[in-house]
Amino acid sequence: MAYLVGVLVVLVGVLVSIALHEVGHMVPARRFGVRVSHYFVGFGPTVWSRTRGETEYGIKAIPLGGYVRLVGMYPTAEAMGNPQPRTVFGRIAAQAREVSAEEIRPGEDHRAFYRLSAPKKLVVMLGGPVMNLVIAAVLLGVVMVGFGSPVASTTLAGVSQCVLPASAATSATCTSADPLAPAAAAGLLPGDRITSYDGHAITSWAQLSELIRTTGAREVQVVLERDGKQVTTSVSPVVADRPVYAADGTQQRAADGTPVTQSVGFLGISPGTVLERQSIAQVPVVTGSAVWQTMKVVATLPARVVDVAKAAAGAEPRDGTGVIGIVGIGRFAGEIASDQAPGYGMGERVASLLSLVASLNIALFVFNLIPLLPLDGGHVLGALWEGARRQVARVRGLPRPGPFDTARLVPLAYGVFVLLAGLGVLLIYADIVHPISLG
């Protein structure tokens, strides 16, 4: 039941985010006088709709998106000088202009979207993505200030049973040939809270981790709290080659791709997490960092899609940091809600689910700014080009150019739509046959 609740919470969060994204387009469009004929959440058959004023509001059967229909998105043929289509692409553009023109009521050409100035077009088209960014910042603020950000605690989440080689995969299991881990040999258990190590009072995981790494192989005394009682024991760390990690948590590798290791003291324990409230001043910093990391993912999207395709075909394992689809997101939500790890309570679950929805909104913000139709970024690029042409003409004393003919980009939009649909199907398939798990 908890798994299902997690999936439903994220589904509702995504639908609300989509609805507000479209509000971000609709409100400024109306403010600038553009007629908004439709506002729908979802695609496919209409489940419910109601007309209020000049706009039909409704819900579609497939909750994978949404749209607002702004009348006159493409310039009419008359506005473009009645160009004669000579190619297949030209005929597609002409048909798009015709369909767009049919939505313009007699005497309301001034209310068409294409009549807006370039700055107003930018405001309308950026309104949706910016709304997603605002949602993400608000949710991250609630999580960081209200609940707190997860930080490593001195309560143990796991105790390794063996000392694995540094080159072993994170999912590797112990074998009879692997030596017993010192923590397991000393009887440490998940849920123990370490309060003292080698005579040092322990106040943070970072302090404990550094002490263990520098202890060497000598025996030290450990004081821990178990079931409300103080327990004193001795452990003898081993010196082992362990991976070196960068500040962002990624494993460092040499130029030839081999992992960088360092000989340090090793016990075989992993920390739990606790929520620590942050200053509201940290919210913009974290939001900006998340946007930058998402931009780097989108910039390498073609290569990542190839990796997903290979994994789906069974040619190589699935990259745990790769892109996921709607099925994978639902699995993450279910795992978060049903996780029974020690110290992972209701507050941690709620904060994690809100953070997941915030991450999805950041992804929507960045992805929608890709400068290709039918994404918002394609219209933004068209408005920028239109504004630049007009500024150049003004400086050179030339007549003001007409609107940029975005209808000519409709064939490209069809191609992008097909690619996006194919990507969605691929991710759903990969999430089913080779899923990524939070565990």
Protein backbone atom coordinates (compact mmCIF):
# COMPACT_ATOMS: atom_id res chain seq x y z
CA MET A 1 0.00 0.00 0.00
CA ALA A 2 2.83 2.42 0.85
CA TYR A 3 4.39 1.71 -2.56
CA LEU A 4 1.11 2.60 -4.31
CA VAL A 5 0.69 5.76 -2.23
CA GLY A 6 4.16 6.91 -3.27
CA VAL A 7 3.36 6.36 -6.95
CA LEU A 8 0.06 8.25 -6.64
CA VAL A 9 1.68 11.17 -4.79
CA VAL A 10 4.25 11.67 -7.54
CA LEU A 11 1.63 11.19 -10.27
CA VAL A 12 -0.53 13.92 -8.75
CA GLY A 13 2.56 16.10 -8.34
CA VAL A 14 3.44 15.68 -12.01
CA LEU A 15 -0.12 16.46 -13.14
CA VAL A 16 -0.27 19.59 -10.97
CA SER A 17 3.13 20.64 -12.34
CA ILE A 18 1.91 20.18 -15.92
CA ALA A 19 -1.27 22.12 -15.18
CA LEU A 20 0.70 25.02 -13.68
CA HIS A 21 3.13 24.93 -16.61
CA GLU A 22 0.23 25.60 -18.95
CA VAL A 23 -1.05 28.32 -16.63
CA GLY A 24 2.37 29.93 -17.05
CA HIS A 25 1.63 30.19 -20.78
CA MET A 26 -2.06 31.06 -20.52
CA VAL A 27 -1.95 33.96 -18.04
CA PRO A 28 0.52 36.20 -19.90
CA ALA A 29 -1.09 35.31 -23.25
CA ARG A 30 -4.45 36.55 -21.98
CA ARG A 31 -2.78 39.57 -20.45
CA PHE A 32 -1.44 40.51 -23.87
CA GLY A 33 -4.87 40.04 -25.49
CA VAL A 34 -4.34 36.64 -27.14
CA ARG A 35 -7.44 34.45 -27.20
CA VAL A 36 -6.88 31.12 -25.45
CA SER A 37 -9.35 28.63 -26.88
CA HIS A 38 -8.33 25.45 -25.02
CA TYR A 39 -6.65 24.51 -21.74
CA PHE A 40 -6.19 20.77 -21.25
CA VAL A 41 -4.18 18.49 -19.00
CA GLY A 42 -3.31 15.21 -20.72
CA PHE A 43 -3.69 13.93 -24.26
CA GLY A 44 -6.04 11.63 -26.12
CA PRO A 45 -9.80 11.30 -25.56
CA THR A 46 -11.46 13.97 -23.43
CA VAL A 47 -12.54 12.73 -19.98
CA TRP A 48 -14.09 15.99 -18.80
CA SER A 49 -14.37 19.52 -20.12
CA ARG A 50 -16.20 22.75 -19.42
CA THR A 51 -16.26 26.05 -21.30
CA ARG A 52 -15.94 29.23 -19.34
CA GLY A 53 -15.81 32.50 -21.21
CA GLU A 54 -13.89 31.89 -24.43
CA THR A 55 -11.78 28.98 -23.11
CA GLU A 56 -12.59 25.28 -22.89
CA TYR A 57 -10.98 23.65 -19.85
CA GLY A 58 -10.63 19.89 -19.58
CA ILE A 59 -8.82 16.68 -18.72
CA LYS A 60 -7.67 14.10 -21.24
CA ALA A 61 -7.33 10.36 -20.72
CA ILE A 62 -3.52 10.06 -21.04
CA PRO A 63 -1.81 12.04 -18.25
CA LEU A 64 1.51 12.50 -20.04
CA GLY A 65 1.42 16.20 -20.79
CA GLY A 66 -0.91 19.07 -21.48
CA TYR A 67 -1.43 22.08 -23.69
CA VAL A 68 -3.02 25.47 -24.12
CA ARG A 69 -4.14 26.49 -27.59
CA LEU A 70 -3.23 30.08 -28.33
CA VAL A 71 -5.14 31.33 -31.35
CA GLY A 72 -2.99 32.30 -34.33
CA MET A 73 0.26 30.61 -33.34
CA TYR A 74 1.47 30.75 -36.95
CA PRO A 75 1.35 33.84 -39.19
CA THR A 76 -1.39 33.71 -41.82
CA ALA A 77 -0.55 33.27 -45.49
CA GLU A 78 -1.54 36.91 -46.09
CA ALA A 79 0.86 38.09 -43.39
CA MET A 80 3.67 36.19 -45.11
CA GLY A 81 2.86 37.45 -48.60
CA ASN A 82 0.93 34.37 -49.77
CA PRO A 83 3.97 32.14 -50.48
CA GLN A 84 3.36 29.35 -52.99
CA PRO A 85 4.31 25.89 -51.66
CA ARG A 86 6.70 24.10 -54.01
CA THR A 87 7.82 21.16 -51.89
CA VAL A 88 6.27 18.66 -49.52
CA PHE A 89 7.62 20.64 -46.59
CA GLY A 90 6.18 23.80 -48.09
CA ARG A 91 2.74 22.20 -48.35
CA ILE A 92 2.93 21.05 -44.71
CA ALA A 93 3.77 24.62 -43.65
CA ALA A 94 0.92 25.99 -45.77
CA GLN A 95 -1.52 23.58 -44.18
CA ALA A 96 -0.32 24.61 -40.70
CA ARG A 97 -0.90 28.28 -41.58
CA GLU A 98 -4.39 27.45 -42.87
CA VAL A 99 -5.40 25.51 -39.74
CA SER A 100 -4.03 28.29 -37.53
CA ALA A 101 -5.88 30.96 -39.53
CA GLU A 102 -9.19 29.10 -39.20
CA GLU A 103 -9.06 29.61 -35.43
CA ILE A 104 -8.96 33.40 -35.80
CA ARG A 105 -12.45 34.85 -35.61
CA PRO A 106 -13.48 37.59 -38.06
CA GLY A 107 -12.20 40.93 -36.84
CA GLU A 108 -9.90 39.38 -34.21
CA ASP A 109 -6.68 39.13 -36.16
CA HIS A 110 -5.17 41.57 -33.66
CA ARG A 111 -5.68 38.91 -30.95
CA ALA A 112 -3.56 36.31 -32.74
CA PHE A 113 -0.36 35.17 -31.07
CA TYR A 114 1.76 35.90 -34.13
CA ARG A 115 0.81 39.59 -33.84
CA LEU A 116 2.60 39.96 -30.50
CA SER A 117 5.94 41.72 -30.30
CA ALA A 118 9.02 39.55 -29.86
CA PRO A 119 9.43 40.43 -26.13
CA LYS A 120 5.78 39.52 -25.44
CA LYS A 121 6.19 36.23 -27.30
CA LEU A 122 9.20 35.47 -25.12
CA VAL A 123 7.21 36.18 -21.96
CA VAL A 124 4.40 33.87 -23.06
CA MET A 125 6.62 30.99 -24.17
CA LEU A 126 8.99 31.23 -21.22
CA GLY A 127 6.06 31.42 -18.80
CA GLY A 128 5.60 27.63 -18.78
CA PRO A 129 9.21 26.59 -18.12
CA VAL A 130 9.72 29.38 -15.60
CA MET A 131 6.63 28.15 -13.75
CA ASN A 132 8.31 24.72 -13.44
CA LEU A 133 11.45 26.39 -12.09
CA VAL A 134 9.40 28.29 -9.51
CA ILE A 135 7.62 25.08 -8.46
CA ALA A 136 10.98 23.34 -8.06
CA ALA A 137 12.40 26.20 -5.98
CA VAL A 138 9.32 26.28 -3.73
CA LEU A 139 9.38 22.50 -3.18
CA LEU A 140 13.11 22.52 -2.48
CA GLY A 141 12.55 25.38 -0.05
CA VAL A 142 9.87 23.40 1.78
CA VAL A 143 12.15 20.37 1.94
CA MET A 144 15.34 22.18 2.96
CA VAL A 145 13.85 24.68 5.42
CA GLY A 146 10.82 22.74 6.64
CA PHE A 147 12.09 19.16 6.73
CA GLY A 148 15.84 19.49 6.22
CA SER A 149 18.35 18.04 3.79
CA PRO A 150 19.58 14.47 4.32
CA VAL A 151 23.02 14.29 5.88
CA ALA A 152 25.01 11.26 6.95
CA SER A 153 24.44 10.32 10.58
CA THR A 154 26.46 8.33 13.09
CA THR A 155 23.69 5.72 13.22
CA LEU A 156 24.69 2.79 11.05
CA ALA A 157 22.50 1.89 8.09
CA GLY A 158 24.55 -1.13 7.07
CA VAL A 159 27.42 -3.34 8.17
CA SER A 160 29.47 -5.08 5.48
CA GLN A 161 30.09 -8.78 5.98
CA CYS A 162 33.35 -8.84 4.05
CA VAL A 163 36.13 -6.70 2.61
CA LEU A 164 35.54 -6.52 -1.15
CA PRO A 165 38.24 -5.43 -3.60
CA ALA A 166 38.15 -1.73 -4.51
CA SER A 167 37.44 -2.70 -8.12
CA ALA A 168 34.32 -4.68 -7.19
CA ALA A 169 30.95 -3.39 -8.34
CA THR A 170 28.69 -1.80 -5.74
CA SER A 171 26.23 -4.66 -6.21
CA ALA A 172 28.88 -7.37 -5.68
CA THR A 173 28.25 -9.96 -2.98
CA CYS A 174 30.62 -11.59 -0.53
CA THR A 175 32.22 -14.96 -1.26
CA SER A 176 34.02 -17.41 1.00
CA ALA A 177 37.33 -16.09 -0.32
CA ASP A 178 36.67 -12.54 0.91
CA PRO A 179 37.97 -11.69 4.43
CA LEU A 180 35.46 -10.86 7.15
CA ALA A 181 34.90 -7.13 7.61
CA PRO A 182 36.19 -5.72 10.94
CA ALA A 183 32.84 -4.21 11.94
CA ALA A 184 31.03 -7.51 11.41
CA ALA A 185 33.76 -9.36 13.32
CA ALA A 186 33.31 -6.93 16.24
CA GLY A 187 29.54 -7.50 16.30
CA LEU A 188 28.40 -4.05 15.11
CA LEU A 189 24.82 -4.01 13.81
CA PRO A 190 22.65 -1.73 11.66
CA GLY A 191 20.91 0.75 13.95
CA ASP A 192 23.88 1.14 16.30
CA ARG A 193 24.82 4.77 16.97
CA ILE A 194 28.54 5.31 17.47
CA THR A 195 29.18 7.84 20.23
CA SER A 196 32.93 7.40 20.74
CA TYR A 197 35.83 6.10 18.63
CA ASP A 198 39.36 5.66 19.95
CA GLY A 199 38.63 8.04 22.81
CA HIS A 200 37.16 10.75 20.60
CA ALA A 201 33.53 11.84 21.18
CA ILE A 202 31.78 11.43 17.81
CA THR A 203 29.58 14.28 16.61
CA SER A 204 29.38 13.66 12.85
CA TRP A 205 29.86 10.97 10.22
CA ALA A 206 32.58 13.01 8.51
CA GLN A 207 34.58 13.04 11.76
CA LEU A 208 34.10 9.30 12.30
CA SER A 209 34.99 8.47 8.69
CA GLU A 210 38.22 10.47 8.88
CA LEU A 211 39.22 8.79 12.16
CA ILE A 212 38.66 5.32 10.69
CA ARG A 213 40.65 6.13 7.55
CA THR A 214 43.64 7.36 9.57
CA THR A 215 43.57 4.69 12.31
CA GLY A 216 45.57 2.13 10.39
CA ALA A 217 45.40 -1.50 11.51
CA ARG A 218 45.64 -1.03 15.28
CA GLU A 219 42.89 -2.06 17.69
CA VAL A 220 40.67 0.77 18.96
CA GLN A 221 37.83 1.06 21.44
CA VAL A 222 34.36 1.94 20.20
CA VAL A 223 31.40 3.07 22.32
CA LEU A 224 27.98 2.74 20.73
CA GLU A 225 24.35 3.11 21.68
CA ARG A 226 22.13 0.07 21.05
CA ASP A 227 18.50 -0.12 22.13
CA GLY A 228 19.05 2.78 24.55
CA LYS A 229 22.07 1.15 26.22
CA GLN A 230 25.78 1.99 26.02
CA VAL A 231 27.89 -0.84 24.60
CA THR A 232 31.68 -0.80 24.54
CA THR A 233 33.63 -3.01 22.16
CA SER A 234 36.93 -3.14 20.30
CA VAL A 235 37.51 -3.18 16.57
CA SER A 236 40.62 -3.66 14.49
CA PRO A 237 40.35 -1.85 11.13
CA VAL A 238 42.16 -3.29 8.16
CA VAL A 239 44.20 -1.25 5.74
CA ALA A 240 42.59 -1.69 2.33
CA ASP A 241 42.54 -0.02 -1.05
CA ARG A 242 39.30 1.92 -1.26
CA PRO A 243 37.89 4.09 -4.10
CA VAL A 244 38.52 7.85 -3.99
CA TYR A 245 35.45 10.02 -4.51
CA ALA A 246 35.20 13.63 -5.68
CA ALA A 247 33.28 16.31 -3.81
CA ASP A 248 30.16 15.64 -5.91
CA GLY A 249 30.17 11.96 -4.96
CA THR A 250 31.45 10.59 -8.27
CA GLN A 251 34.23 8.03 -8.22
CA GLN A 252 37.54 9.41 -9.45
CA ARG A 253 39.19 7.62 -12.36
CA ALA A 254 42.62 7.76 -13.96
CA ALA A 255 43.20 8.79 -17.58
CA ASP A 256 42.87 5.16 -18.70
CA GLY A 257 39.52 4.81 -16.94
CA THR A 258 40.70 2.70 -13.99
CA PRO A 259 39.36 3.70 -10.55
CA VAL A 260 41.64 5.78 -8.34
CA THR A 261 42.21 4.05 -4.98
CA GLN A 262 43.91 4.89 -1.70
CA SER A 263 45.15 2.66 1.14
CA VAL A 264 43.17 3.66 4.24
CA GLY A 265 41.69 2.18 7.37
CA PHE A 266 38.45 0.28 6.70
CA LEU A 267 35.73 -1.01 9.03
CA GLY A 268 32.89 -1.90 6.69
CA ILE A 269 30.10 0.37 7.94
CA SER A 270 27.78 2.76 6.13
CA PRO A 271 25.87 5.68 7.64
CA GLY A 272 22.19 6.27 7.92
CA THR A 273 20.75 9.67 7.15
CA VAL A 274 19.04 12.36 9.19
CA LEU A 275 17.32 15.53 8.10
CA GLU A 276 19.12 18.76 8.97
CA ARG A 277 17.29 22.04 8.35
CA GLN A 278 19.03 24.49 6.04
CA SER A 279 19.01 28.25 5.65
CA ILE A 280 16.59 29.64 3.08
CA ALA A 281 19.61 31.31 1.46
CA GLN A 282 20.74 27.85 0.37
CA VAL A 283 17.61 27.26 -1.72
CA PRO A 284 18.72 29.31 -4.78
CA VAL A 285 22.16 27.72 -4.59
CA VAL A 286 20.79 24.18 -4.56
CA THR A 287 18.23 25.01 -7.25
CA GLY A 288 20.88 26.52 -9.50
CA SER A 289 23.16 23.53 -8.99
CA ALA A 290 20.33 21.14 -9.85
CA VAL A 291 19.55 23.11 -13.02
CA TRP A 292 23.21 23.01 -14.06
CA GLN A 293 23.47 19.26 -13.47
CA THR A 294 20.28 18.69 -15.46
CA MET A 295 21.60 20.84 -18.30
CA LYS A 296 24.71 18.66 -18.46
CA VAL A 297 22.52 15.56 -18.71
CA VAL A 298 20.42 17.10 -21.51
CA ALA A 299 23.58 18.17 -23.36
CA THR A 300 24.71 14.53 -23.46
CA LEU A 301 21.23 13.13 -24.07
CA PRO A 302 21.98 11.44 -27.44
CA ALA A 303 24.85 9.43 -25.93
CA ARG A 304 22.75 8.54 -22.90
CA VAL A 305 19.89 7.36 -25.12
CA VAL A 306 22.33 5.09 -26.97
CA ASP A 307 23.41 3.64 -23.61
CA VAL A 308 19.78 3.02 -22.66
CA ALA A 309 19.16 1.29 -26.01
CA LYS A 310 22.17 -0.97 -25.47
CA ALA A 311 20.99 -1.81 -21.97
CA ALA A 312 17.46 -2.51 -23.20
CA ALA A 313 18.91 -4.89 -25.80
CA GLY A 314 20.95 -6.65 -23.12
CA ALA A 315 24.28 -5.59 -24.62
CA GLU A 316 25.48 -3.86 -21.43
CA PRO A 317 24.25 -3.12 -17.89
CA ARG A 318 21.97 -0.15 -17.24
CA ASP A 319 23.73 2.99 -16.07
CA GLY A 320 22.42 3.83 -12.61
CA THR A 321 22.89 7.56 -13.31
CA GLY A 322 21.27 7.48 -16.76
CA VAL A 323 17.93 8.83 -17.93
CA ILE A 324 14.69 7.17 -16.90
CA GLY A 325 11.09 7.28 -18.08
CA ILE A 326 7.72 7.53 -16.41
CA VAL A 327 7.84 3.89 -15.27
CA GLY A 328 11.21 4.41 -13.61
CA ILE A 329 9.97 7.55 -11.88
CA GLY A 330 7.00 5.62 -10.55
CA ARG A 331 9.30 2.88 -9.28
CA PHE A 332 11.47 5.45 -7.50
CA ALA A 333 8.38 6.93 -5.85
CA GLY A 334 7.18 3.51 -4.72
CA GLU A 335 10.58 2.57 -3.30
CA ILE A 336 10.84 5.87 -1.43
CA ALA A 337 7.40 5.48 0.14
CA SER A 338 7.88 1.83 1.13
CA ASP A 339 11.52 1.97 2.29
CA GLN A 340 11.87 0.50 5.79
CA ALA A 341 15.55 1.36 6.37
CA PRO A 342 16.48 2.22 9.98
CA GLY A 343 16.01 5.93 10.71
CA TYR A 344 14.03 6.48 7.50
CA GLY A 345 10.74 7.73 8.85
CA MET A 346 7.70 9.58 7.54
CA GLY A 347 9.51 12.92 7.42
CA GLU A 348 12.30 11.47 5.29
CA ARG A 349 9.78 9.85 2.94
CA VAL A 350 7.78 13.05 2.45
CA ALA A 351 10.94 15.08 1.91
CA SER A 352 12.24 12.56 -0.63
CA LEU A 353 8.98 12.51 -2.58
CA LEU A 354 8.84 16.31 -2.66
CA SER A 355 12.46 16.38 -3.82
CA LEU A 356 11.60 13.91 -6.58
CA VAL A 357 8.77 16.13 -7.81
CA ALA A 358 11.12 19.14 -7.63
CA SER A 359 13.67 17.27 -9.74
CA LEU A 360 11.01 16.47 -12.33
CA ASN A 361 10.09 20.15 -12.53
CA ILE A 362 13.71 21.10 -13.06
CA ALA A 363 13.88 18.49 -15.82
CA LEU A 364 10.74 19.98 -17.41
CA PHE A 365 12.27 23.47 -17.18
CA VAL A 366 15.51 22.50 -18.89
CA PHE A 367 14.04 20.09 -21.43
CA ASN A 368 11.38 22.52 -22.60
CA LEU A 369 14.06 25.11 -23.37
CA ILE A 370 15.67 22.90 -26.02
CA PRO A 371 15.41 25.18 -29.12
CA LEU A 372 13.32 22.82 -31.22
CA LEU A 373 9.61 22.78 -32.00
CA PRO A 374 7.23 21.57 -30.63
CA LEU A 375 9.07 22.39 -27.39
CA ASP A 376 8.76 25.87 -25.91
CA GLY A 377 12.39 26.52 -26.74
CA GLY A 378 11.57 26.33 -30.46
CA HIS A 379 9.10 29.21 -30.13
CA VAL A 380 11.59 31.10 -27.95
CA LEU A 381 14.22 30.75 -30.67
CA GLY A 382 11.73 31.98 -33.29
CA ALA A 383 10.88 35.04 -31.17
CA LEU A 384 14.57 35.81 -30.61
CA TRP A 385 15.27 35.58 -34.34
CA GLU A 386 12.28 37.78 -35.12
CA GLY A 387 13.36 40.39 -32.59
CA ALA A 388 16.95 40.34 -33.83
CA ARG A 389 15.85 40.90 -37.45
CA ARG A 390 13.71 43.84 -36.43
CA GLN A 391 16.51 45.41 -34.40
CA VAL A 392 18.94 45.06 -37.30
CA ALA A 393 16.38 46.62 -39.66
CA ARG A 394 15.80 49.50 -37.24
CA VAL A 395 19.53 50.22 -36.93
CA ARG A 396 19.99 50.10 -40.70
CA GLY A 397 16.92 52.24 -41.36
CA LEU A 398 15.12 49.48 -43.25
CA PRO A 399 11.37 48.72 -43.22
CA ARG A 400 10.20 46.69 -40.22
CA PRO A 401 10.23 42.95 -41.14
CA GLY A 402 7.09 40.90 -40.70
CA PRO A 403 6.77 38.06 -38.19
CA PHE A 404 9.06 35.06 -38.38
CA ASP A 405 7.30 32.26 -40.28
CA THR A 406 7.36 29.51 -37.62
CA ALA A 407 5.05 27.42 -39.82
CA ARG A 408 8.10 26.53 -41.91
CA LEU A 409 9.44 24.68 -38.88
CA VAL A 410 6.35 22.46 -38.56
CA PRO A 411 7.92 19.58 -40.57
CA LEU A 412 10.84 19.66 -38.14
CA ALA A 413 8.38 19.68 -35.24
CA TYR A 414 6.77 16.49 -36.60
CA GLY A 415 10.19 14.83 -36.72
CA VAL A 416 11.04 15.91 -33.19
CA PHE A 417 7.67 14.65 -31.97
CA VAL A 418 8.33 11.22 -33.48
CA LEU A 419 11.78 11.12 -31.86
CA LEU A 420 10.34 12.08 -28.48
CA ALA A 421 7.62 9.46 -28.76
CA GLY A 422 10.24 6.84 -29.65
CA LEU A 423 12.39 7.92 -26.71
CA GLY A 424 9.40 7.59 -24.39
CA VAL A 425 8.68 4.05 -25.60
CA LEU A 426 12.36 3.08 -25.28
CA LEU A 427 12.57 4.39 -21.71
CA ILE A 428 9.37 2.59 -20.70
CA TYR A 429 10.71 -0.67 -22.13
CA ALA A 430 14.12 -0.23 -20.48
CA ASP A 431 12.50 0.67 -17.13
CA ILE A 432 10.55 -2.58 -17.28
CA VAL A 433 13.20 -5.06 -18.48
CA HIS A 434 16.32 -3.40 -16.96
CA PRO A 435 15.07 -1.05 -14.23
CA ILE A 436 17.19 1.32 -12.17
CA SER A 437 16.64 0.87 -8.46
CA LEU A 438 17.30 3.38 -5.70
CA GLY A 439 18.67 0.53 -3.62
